Amino acid sequence: MLLRNSNLKYIKINRVRLKVASQKKVTEIFKEFFESIKGTVKGLKGYAIFEYIENDKETVVLTFWENRKDMENYYSKDNKILSDLVDKVKPMFEQMPERSDYKIALFEIG
């Protein structure tokens, strides 16, 4: 499936470094969080959670956005929903997540 004219335009990559034996718990918390906000965040079109196979101390979370402004608003310091999530999982972090913004040039699955 090729998404040439998709409404997915931007992606936020969140690289999370975890303490030992935290990956599965953090993944469950992230899954529950995204299920709880599904359909309520303006511009958020989806997400993906990746557990690094070679190192269980690393997880990557991708969020897919319709536009950059909504993405920036969501990841602002004023977003209590996001800051509450970070506070909940922070004890399992080895260090705070590294975040990067990308514009989607091509997205193909299948």
N, C-alpha and C. Protein backbone atom coordinates (compact mmCIF):
# COMPACT_ATOMS: atom_id res chain seq x y z
N MET A 1 0.85 -1.17 0.00
CA MET A 1 0.00 0.00 0.00
C MET A 1 0.90 1.24 0.00
N LEU A 2 0.72 2.09 -0.96
CA LEU A 2 1.48 3.31 -1.07
C LEU A 2 0.56 4.48 -0.72
N LEU A 3 1.00 5.33 0.18
CA LEU A 3 0.18 6.45 0.63
C LEU A 3 0.73 7.76 0.06
N ARG A 4 0.54 8.00 -1.22
CA ARG A 4 1.08 9.21 -1.85
C ARG A 4 0.32 10.46 -1.45
N ASN A 5 -0.99 10.41 -1.43
CA ASN A 5 -1.80 11.59 -1.12
C ASN A 5 -2.42 11.48 0.26
N SER A 6 -1.69 10.90 1.15
CA SER A 6 -2.17 10.66 2.50
C SER A 6 -2.24 11.95 3.30
N ASN A 7 -3.02 11.91 4.36
CA ASN A 7 -3.06 13.06 5.27
C ASN A 7 -1.98 12.94 6.34
N LEU A 8 -1.07 11.99 6.19
CA LEU A 8 0.10 11.90 7.06
C LEU A 8 1.20 12.77 6.47
N LYS A 9 1.55 13.82 7.17
CA LYS A 9 2.54 14.76 6.64
C LYS A 9 3.79 14.85 7.51
N TYR A 10 3.64 14.63 8.81
CA TYR A 10 4.76 14.80 9.74
C TYR A 10 4.84 13.63 10.70
N ILE A 11 6.04 13.41 11.21
CA ILE A 11 6.26 12.34 12.17
C ILE A 11 7.18 12.85 13.27
N LYS A 12 6.84 12.48 14.48
CA LYS A 12 7.71 12.76 15.64
C LYS A 12 8.30 11.42 16.05
N ILE A 13 9.62 11.38 16.14
CA ILE A 13 10.31 10.17 16.59
C ILE A 13 10.80 10.40 18.00
N ASN A 14 10.36 9.53 18.91
CA ASN A 14 10.72 9.61 20.32
C ASN A 14 11.56 8.38 20.66
N ARG A 15 12.84 8.60 20.88
CA ARG A 15 13.74 7.49 21.24
C ARG A 15 13.88 7.48 22.75
N VAL A 16 13.46 6.36 23.35
CA VAL A 16 13.40 6.25 24.81
C VAL A 16 14.45 5.25 25.29
N ARG A 17 15.33 5.69 26.17
CA ARG A 17 16.33 4.81 26.80
C ARG A 17 15.82 4.45 28.19
N LEU A 18 15.74 3.15 28.43
CA LEU A 18 15.08 2.64 29.63
C LEU A 18 16.05 1.97 30.60
N LYS A 19 15.60 1.87 31.82
CA LYS A 19 16.34 1.09 32.82
C LYS A 19 16.11 -0.39 32.52
N VAL A 20 16.96 -1.23 33.07
CA VAL A 20 16.88 -2.68 32.86
C VAL A 20 15.49 -3.19 33.27
N ALA A 21 14.96 -4.09 32.46
CA ALA A 21 13.69 -4.79 32.72
C ALA A 21 12.49 -3.86 32.74
N SER A 22 12.53 -2.76 32.01
CA SER A 22 11.42 -1.80 31.99
C SER A 22 10.65 -1.80 30.67
N GLN A 23 11.21 -2.37 29.63
CA GLN A 23 10.65 -2.22 28.29
C GLN A 23 9.20 -2.69 28.18
N LYS A 24 8.90 -3.87 28.64
CA LYS A 24 7.53 -4.41 28.51
C LYS A 24 6.52 -3.55 29.27
N LYS A 25 6.88 -3.12 30.47
CA LYS A 25 5.98 -2.29 31.27
C LYS A 25 5.74 -0.94 30.59
N VAL A 26 6.80 -0.32 30.08
CA VAL A 26 6.66 0.97 29.40
C VAL A 26 5.80 0.80 28.15
N THR A 27 6.00 -0.27 27.40
CA THR A 27 5.19 -0.51 26.20
C THR A 27 3.71 -0.62 26.57
N GLU A 28 3.39 -1.32 27.63
CA GLU A 28 1.99 -1.45 28.06
C GLU A 28 1.41 -0.10 28.45
N ILE A 29 2.18 0.70 29.17
CA ILE A 29 1.71 2.03 29.56
C ILE A 29 1.47 2.89 28.32
N PHE A 30 2.39 2.84 27.36
CA PHE A 30 2.22 3.61 26.12
C PHE A 30 0.98 3.15 25.35
N LYS A 31 0.77 1.83 25.24
CA LYS A 31 -0.40 1.31 24.54
C LYS A 31 -1.69 1.82 25.19
N GLU A 32 -1.77 1.71 26.51
CA GLU A 32 -2.95 2.18 27.24
C GLU A 32 -3.15 3.69 27.03
N PHE A 33 -2.06 4.43 27.06
CA PHE A 33 -2.14 5.88 26.87
C PHE A 33 -2.72 6.21 25.49
N PHE A 34 -2.16 5.62 24.45
CA PHE A 34 -2.63 5.94 23.10
C PHE A 34 -4.07 5.49 22.88
N GLU A 35 -4.46 4.37 23.46
CA GLU A 35 -5.86 3.95 23.37
C GLU A 35 -6.77 4.97 24.06
N SER A 36 -6.31 5.53 25.17
CA SER A 36 -7.14 6.47 25.93
C SER A 36 -7.30 7.82 25.22
N ILE A 37 -6.35 8.19 24.36
CA ILE A 37 -6.45 9.49 23.68
C ILE A 37 -6.90 9.36 22.23
N LYS A 38 -7.12 8.13 21.77
CA LYS A 38 -7.50 7.90 20.37
C LYS A 38 -8.70 8.76 19.99
N GLY A 39 -8.53 9.51 18.89
CA GLY A 39 -9.62 10.34 18.38
C GLY A 39 -9.83 11.65 19.10
N THR A 40 -9.00 11.96 20.10
CA THR A 40 -9.20 13.19 20.87
C THR A 40 -8.13 14.25 20.66
N VAL A 41 -7.04 13.90 19.98
CA VAL A 41 -5.93 14.83 19.79
C VAL A 41 -5.96 15.35 18.35
N LYS A 42 -6.13 16.64 18.22
CA LYS A 42 -6.22 17.26 16.90
C LYS A 42 -4.95 17.00 16.09
N GLY A 43 -5.15 16.46 14.89
CA GLY A 43 -4.05 16.24 13.96
C GLY A 43 -3.29 14.94 14.12
N LEU A 44 -3.49 14.24 15.24
CA LEU A 44 -2.79 12.96 15.46
C LEU A 44 -3.49 11.87 14.65
N LYS A 45 -2.75 11.28 13.71
CA LYS A 45 -3.33 10.29 12.81
C LYS A 45 -2.97 8.86 13.16
N GLY A 46 -2.01 8.67 14.04
CA GLY A 46 -1.64 7.32 14.43
C GLY A 46 -0.32 7.31 15.17
N TYR A 47 0.06 6.12 15.56
CA TYR A 47 1.30 5.95 16.31
C TYR A 47 1.83 4.54 16.09
N ALA A 48 3.10 4.35 16.42
CA ALA A 48 3.72 3.03 16.38
C ALA A 48 4.71 2.95 17.53
N ILE A 49 4.80 1.79 18.14
CA ILE A 49 5.75 1.56 19.23
C ILE A 49 6.66 0.42 18.79
N PHE A 50 7.98 0.66 18.86
CA PHE A 50 8.96 -0.34 18.46
C PHE A 50 9.85 -0.68 19.65
N GLU A 51 9.96 -1.97 19.94
CA GLU A 51 10.90 -2.44 20.97
C GLU A 51 12.14 -2.95 20.26
N TYR A 52 13.28 -2.38 20.61
CA TYR A 52 14.54 -2.75 19.98
C TYR A 52 14.87 -4.21 20.33
N ILE A 53 15.08 -5.04 19.33
CA ILE A 53 15.33 -6.47 19.52
C ILE A 53 16.67 -6.72 20.20
N GLU A 54 17.69 -6.00 19.81
CA GLU A 54 19.05 -6.24 20.30
C GLU A 54 19.32 -5.62 21.67
N ASN A 55 18.45 -4.73 22.12
CA ASN A 55 18.69 -4.03 23.39
C ASN A 55 17.35 -3.69 24.02
N ASP A 56 16.98 -4.43 25.07
CA ASP A 56 15.67 -4.20 25.68
C ASP A 56 15.62 -2.94 26.55
N LYS A 57 16.67 -2.15 26.46
CA LYS A 57 16.68 -0.86 27.16
C LYS A 57 16.34 0.29 26.21
N GLU A 58 15.84 -0.02 25.03
CA GLU A 58 15.50 1.03 24.08
C GLU A 58 14.16 0.75 23.41
N THR A 59 13.34 1.77 23.33
CA THR A 59 12.06 1.73 22.65
C THR A 59 11.94 3.01 21.83
N VAL A 60 11.30 2.89 20.67
CA VAL A 60 11.06 4.05 19.83
C VAL A 60 9.55 4.18 19.62
N VAL A 61 9.05 5.39 19.82
CA VAL A 61 7.64 5.68 19.60
C VAL A 61 7.54 6.70 18.47
N LEU A 62 6.74 6.36 17.45
CA LEU A 62 6.49 7.28 16.35
C LEU A 62 5.06 7.79 16.47
N THR A 63 4.87 9.08 16.28
CA THR A 63 3.52 9.62 16.17
C THR A 63 3.40 10.28 14.81
N PHE A 64 2.26 10.07 14.15
CA PHE A 64 2.02 10.54 12.79
C PHE A 64 1.02 11.69 12.83
N TRP A 65 1.33 12.76 12.11
CA TRP A 65 0.57 14.00 12.22
C TRP A 65 0.11 14.51 10.86
N GLU A 66 -1.02 15.17 10.90
CA GLU A 66 -1.60 15.80 9.72
C GLU A 66 -0.88 17.10 9.39
N ASN A 67 -0.49 17.85 10.42
CA ASN A 67 0.23 19.10 10.18
C ASN A 67 1.21 19.39 11.32
N ARG A 68 2.17 20.22 11.02
CA ARG A 68 3.24 20.51 11.96
C ARG A 68 2.76 21.28 13.19
N LYS A 69 1.84 22.19 13.00
CA LYS A 69 1.33 23.00 14.11
C LYS A 69 0.70 22.13 15.20
N ASP A 70 -0.14 21.17 14.79
CA ASP A 70 -0.76 20.27 15.77
C ASP A 70 0.29 19.44 16.49
N MET A 71 1.29 18.97 15.74
CA MET A 71 2.37 18.20 16.34
C MET A 71 3.12 19.04 17.39
N GLU A 72 3.46 20.26 17.03
CA GLU A 72 4.18 21.14 17.95
C GLU A 72 3.33 21.48 19.17
N ASN A 73 2.04 21.70 18.97
CA ASN A 73 1.15 21.99 20.10
C ASN A 73 1.08 20.81 21.06
N TYR A 74 0.98 19.61 20.52
CA TYR A 74 0.89 18.42 21.35
C TYR A 74 2.16 18.22 22.19
N TYR A 75 3.31 18.45 21.58
CA TYR A 75 4.58 18.24 22.27
C TYR A 75 5.07 19.48 23.03
N SER A 76 4.20 20.47 23.21
CA SER A 76 4.59 21.66 23.97
C SER A 76 4.65 21.34 25.46
N LYS A 77 5.37 22.16 26.19
CA LYS A 77 5.49 21.98 27.64
C LYS A 77 4.17 22.20 28.36
N ASP A 78 3.22 22.84 27.68
CA ASP A 78 1.91 23.13 28.29
C ASP A 78 0.93 21.97 28.20
N ASN A 79 1.29 20.88 27.52
CA ASN A 79 0.38 19.76 27.35
C ASN A 79 0.39 18.88 28.60
N LYS A 80 -0.61 19.04 29.43
CA LYS A 80 -0.69 18.31 30.69
C LYS A 80 -0.86 16.81 30.47
N ILE A 81 -1.59 16.42 29.45
CA ILE A 81 -1.80 14.98 29.17
C ILE A 81 -0.46 14.30 28.90
N LEU A 82 0.36 14.93 28.06
CA LEU A 82 1.67 14.36 27.75
C LEU A 82 2.60 14.43 28.96
N SER A 83 2.60 15.54 29.67
CA SER A 83 3.49 15.65 30.84
C SER A 83 3.10 14.65 31.93
N ASP A 84 1.81 14.36 32.06
CA ASP A 84 1.38 13.34 33.03
C ASP A 84 1.90 11.96 32.63
N LEU A 85 1.87 11.65 31.34
CA LEU A 85 2.42 10.37 30.86
C LEU A 85 3.91 10.29 31.16
N VAL A 86 4.64 11.34 30.83
CA VAL A 86 6.09 11.35 31.07
C VAL A 86 6.38 11.18 32.56
N ASP A 87 5.63 11.86 33.42
CA ASP A 87 5.83 11.71 34.86
C ASP A 87 5.60 10.27 35.31
N LYS A 88 4.62 9.61 34.71
CA LYS A 88 4.29 8.22 35.08
C LYS A 88 5.42 7.25 34.72
N VAL A 89 6.04 7.45 33.55
CA VAL A 89 7.07 6.50 33.09
C VAL A 89 8.49 6.97 33.40
N LYS A 90 8.64 8.19 33.84
CA LYS A 90 9.97 8.76 34.10
C LYS A 90 10.83 7.89 35.02
N PRO A 91 10.29 7.26 36.06
CA PRO A 91 11.13 6.41 36.91
C PRO A 91 11.76 5.22 36.17
N MET A 92 11.20 4.86 35.02
CA MET A 92 11.73 3.75 34.23
C MET A 92 12.70 4.22 33.15
N PHE A 93 12.89 5.52 33.00
CA PHE A 93 13.81 6.07 32.01
C PHE A 93 15.23 6.07 32.54
N GLU A 94 16.15 5.67 31.69
CA GLU A 94 17.56 5.85 31.99
C GLU A 94 17.95 7.30 31.70
N GLN A 95 17.32 7.86 30.68
CA GLN A 95 17.47 9.28 30.37
C GLN A 95 16.19 9.73 29.68
N MET A 96 15.97 11.03 29.63
CA MET A 96 14.76 11.56 29.01
C MET A 96 14.78 11.25 27.51
N PRO A 97 13.60 11.09 26.90
CA PRO A 97 13.53 10.75 25.48
C PRO A 97 14.18 11.81 24.58
N GLU A 98 14.77 11.33 23.50
CA GLU A 98 15.28 12.21 22.45
C GLU A 98 14.18 12.31 21.41
N ARG A 99 13.83 13.53 21.03
CA ARG A 99 12.74 13.73 20.06
C ARG A 99 13.27 14.39 18.81
N SER A 100 12.76 13.91 17.66
CA SER A 100 13.14 14.47 16.37
C SER A 100 11.88 14.62 15.51
N ASP A 101 11.85 15.67 14.71
CA ASP A 101 10.72 15.93 13.81
C ASP A 101 11.14 15.64 12.37
N TYR A 102 10.23 15.00 11.64
CA TYR A 102 10.47 14.73 10.22
C TYR A 102 9.22 15.03 9.42
N LYS A 103 9.43 15.45 8.18
CA LYS A 103 8.35 15.58 7.21
C LYS A 103 8.35 14.28 6.40
N ILE A 104 7.18 13.70 6.19
CA ILE A 104 7.09 12.45 5.46
C ILE A 104 7.15 12.73 3.96
N ALA A 105 8.17 12.20 3.32
CA ALA A 105 8.33 12.36 1.88
C ALA A 105 7.61 11.22 1.14
N LEU A 106 7.66 10.02 1.71
CA LEU A 106 7.02 8.85 1.11
C LEU A 106 6.76 7.85 2.22
N PHE A 107 5.58 7.24 2.23
CA PHE A 107 5.23 6.25 3.23
C PHE A 107 4.59 5.10 2.50
N GLU A 108 5.22 3.94 2.55
CA GLU A 108 4.72 2.77 1.81
C GLU A 108 4.73 1.55 2.72
N ILE A 109 3.65 0.80 2.72
CA ILE A 109 3.56 -0.46 3.45
C ILE A 109 3.03 -1.50 2.48
N GLY A 110 3.65 -2.66 2.52
CA GLY A 110 3.14 -3.77 1.73
C GLY A 110 3.80 -4.03 0.46
